[in-house]
Amino acid sequence: MCSPEPINCFPVLMNIISNTFLRLFNSSARIRVWSELFYRTKNPDIKSYIFYNCLSYLLILAAGLPPLFAVSSSEDYKVKSTSC
């Protein structure tokens, strides 16, 4: 039921235990557990949406970071601080 890798064994064990408790309490619901890292989508529109969102976030971050370093250097220059 469970592969020798512990990362795959824990979800299977939790699934067995939780479904056993559900059966003990006469519930018709079942819990399904899978060990995929990410939800895989078949829709290419969602993939492109996620890609462009991440790309725009990284571009904004890349545009905003260099001024922080420049301001830090200019402030050090103004107060004439040196590093040992």
C-alpha atoms as a PDB file:
ATOM      1  CA  MET A   1       0.000   0.000   0.000  1.00  0.00           C
ATOM      2  CA  CYS A   2       2.804   2.324   0.817  1.00  0.00           C
ATOM      3  CA  SER A   3       6.101   2.820  -0.957  1.00  0.00           C
ATOM      4  CA  PRO A   4       9.298   2.618   1.095  1.00  0.00           C
ATOM      5  CA  GLU A   5       9.740   6.392   0.982  1.00  0.00           C
ATOM      6  CA  PRO A   6       8.387   8.045   4.150  1.00  0.00           C
ATOM      7  CA  ILE A   7       7.116  11.097   2.258  1.00  0.00           C
ATOM      8  CA  ASN A   8       4.619   8.877   0.436  1.00  0.00           C
ATOM      9  CA  CYS A   9       3.759   6.700   3.416  1.00  0.00           C
ATOM     10  CA  PHE A  10       2.446   9.416   5.760  1.00  0.00           C
ATOM     11  CA  PRO A  11      -0.438  10.610   3.527  1.00  0.00           C
ATOM     12  CA  VAL A  12      -1.520   7.017   2.936  1.00  0.00           C
ATOM     13  CA  LEU A  13      -1.456   6.293   6.668  1.00  0.00           C
ATOM     14  CA  MET A  14      -3.488   9.432   7.437  1.00  0.00           C
ATOM     15  CA  ASN A  15      -5.989   8.478   4.756  1.00  0.00           C
ATOM     16  CA  ILE A  16      -6.456   4.989   6.216  1.00  0.00           C
ATOM     17  CA  ILE A  17      -6.846   6.292   9.786  1.00  0.00           C
ATOM     18  CA  SER A  18      -9.266   9.096   8.900  1.00  0.00           C
ATOM     19  CA  ASN A  19     -11.437   6.875   6.707  1.00  0.00           C
ATOM     20  CA  THR A  20     -11.533   4.276   9.479  1.00  0.00           C
ATOM     21  CA  PHE A  21     -12.814   6.907  11.921  1.00  0.00           C
ATOM     22  CA  LEU A  22     -15.403   8.033   9.400  1.00  0.00           C
ATOM     23  CA  ARG A  23     -16.656   4.452   9.006  1.00  0.00           C
ATOM     24  CA  LEU A  24     -16.795   4.013  12.782  1.00  0.00           C
ATOM     25  CA  PHE A  25     -19.123   7.002  13.053  1.00  0.00           C
ATOM     26  CA  ASN A  26     -21.345   5.705  10.203  1.00  0.00           C
ATOM     27  CA  SER A  27     -20.485   8.488   7.810  1.00  0.00           C
ATOM     28  CA  SER A  28     -20.855   8.085   4.078  1.00  0.00           C
ATOM     29  CA  ALA A  29     -18.111  10.647   3.368  1.00  0.00           C
ATOM     30  CA  ARG A  30     -14.603   9.564   2.451  1.00  0.00           C
ATOM     31  CA  ILE A  31     -11.310  11.433   2.495  1.00  0.00           C
ATOM     32  CA  ARG A  32      -8.984  11.129  -0.476  1.00  0.00           C
ATOM     33  CA  VAL A  33      -5.286  11.913  -0.091  1.00  0.00           C
ATOM     34  CA  TRP A  34      -2.697  12.254  -2.830  1.00  0.00           C
ATOM     35  CA  SER A  35       0.949  13.153  -2.716  1.00  0.00           C
ATOM     36  CA  GLU A  36       1.414  15.351  -5.766  1.00  0.00           C
ATOM     37  CA  LEU A  37       3.466  18.423  -5.032  1.00  0.00           C
ATOM     38  CA  PHE A  38       1.336  20.774  -7.119  1.00  0.00           C
ATOM     39  CA  TYR A  39      -2.143  20.675  -8.501  1.00  0.00           C
ATOM     40  CA  ARG A  40      -1.888  19.862 -12.183  1.00  0.00           C
ATOM     41  CA  THR A  41      -4.225  21.734 -14.412  1.00  0.00           C
ATOM     42  CA  LYS A  42      -5.206  20.862 -17.942  1.00  0.00           C
ATOM     43  CA  ASN A  43      -6.238  24.405 -18.814  1.00  0.00           C
ATOM     44  CA  PRO A  44      -3.405  26.326 -20.548  1.00  0.00           C
ATOM     45  CA  ASP A  45      -5.098  29.662 -19.761  1.00  0.00           C
ATOM     46  CA  ILE A  46      -4.562  29.152 -16.038  1.00  0.00           C
ATOM     47  CA  LYS A  47      -0.921  28.214 -16.602  1.00  0.00           C
ATOM     48  CA  SER A  48      -0.281  31.343 -18.652  1.00  0.00           C
ATOM     49  CA  TYR A  49      -2.117  33.472 -16.062  1.00  0.00           C
ATOM     50  CA  ILE A  50       0.081  32.127 -13.264  1.00  0.00           C
ATOM     51  CA  PHE A  51       3.213  32.549 -15.385  1.00  0.00           C
ATOM     52  CA  TYR A  52       2.475  36.166 -16.289  1.00  0.00           C
ATOM     53  CA  ASN A  53       1.539  37.025 -12.706  1.00  0.00           C
ATOM     54  CA  CYS A  54       4.834  35.644 -11.430  1.00  0.00           C
ATOM     55  CA  LEU A  55       6.757  37.342 -14.221  1.00  0.00           C
ATOM     56  CA  SER A  56       5.191  40.736 -13.540  1.00  0.00           C
ATOM     57  CA  TYR A  57       5.845  40.374  -9.807  1.00  0.00           C
ATOM     58  CA  LEU A  58       9.506  39.541 -10.416  1.00  0.00           C
ATOM     59  CA  LEU A  59       9.919  42.446 -12.834  1.00  0.00           C
ATOM     60  CA  ILE A  60       8.466  44.898 -10.315  1.00  0.00           C
ATOM     61  CA  LEU A  61      10.710  43.439  -7.622  1.00  0.00           C
ATOM     62  CA  ALA A  62      13.778  43.668  -9.882  1.00  0.00           C
ATOM     63  CA  ALA A  63      12.977  47.285 -10.717  1.00  0.00           C
ATOM     64  CA  GLY A  64      12.535  48.253  -7.065  1.00  0.00           C
ATOM     65  CA  LEU A  65      15.569  46.594  -5.506  1.00  0.00           C
ATOM     66  CA  PRO A  66      18.550  48.438  -7.087  1.00  0.00           C
ATOM     67  CA  PRO A  67      17.479  51.878  -5.781  1.00  0.00           C
ATOM     68  CA  LEU A  68      17.585  50.493  -2.262  1.00  0.00           C
ATOM     69  CA  PHE A  69      21.247  49.585  -2.658  1.00  0.00           C
ATOM     70  CA  ALA A  70      22.026  52.931  -4.278  1.00  0.00           C
ATOM     71  CA  VAL A  71      20.372  54.896  -1.466  1.00  0.00           C
ATOM     72  CA  SER A  72      22.266  52.887   1.090  1.00  0.00           C
ATOM     73  CA  SER A  73      25.598  53.611  -0.626  1.00  0.00           C
ATOM     74  CA  SER A  74      24.890  57.315  -0.991  1.00  0.00           C
ATOM     75  CA  GLU A  75      23.917  57.582   2.688  1.00  0.00           C
ATOM     76  CA  ASP A  76      27.184  55.874   3.642  1.00  0.00           C
ATOM     77  CA  TYR A  77      29.068  58.324   1.433  1.00  0.00           C
ATOM     78  CA  LYS A  78      27.336  61.326   3.021  1.00  0.00           C
ATOM     79  CA  VAL A  79      28.251  60.316   6.566  1.00  0.00           C
ATOM     80  CA  LYS A  80      31.703  59.111   5.396  1.00  0.00           C
ATOM     81  CA  SER A  81      31.362  55.689   6.959  1.00  0.00           C
ATOM     82  CA  THR A  82      33.892  52.992   6.143  1.00  0.00           C
ATOM     83  CA  SER A  83      33.951  49.308   6.740  1.00  0.00           C
ATOM     84  CA  CYS A  84      36.925  47.687   8.402  1.00  0.00           C
END
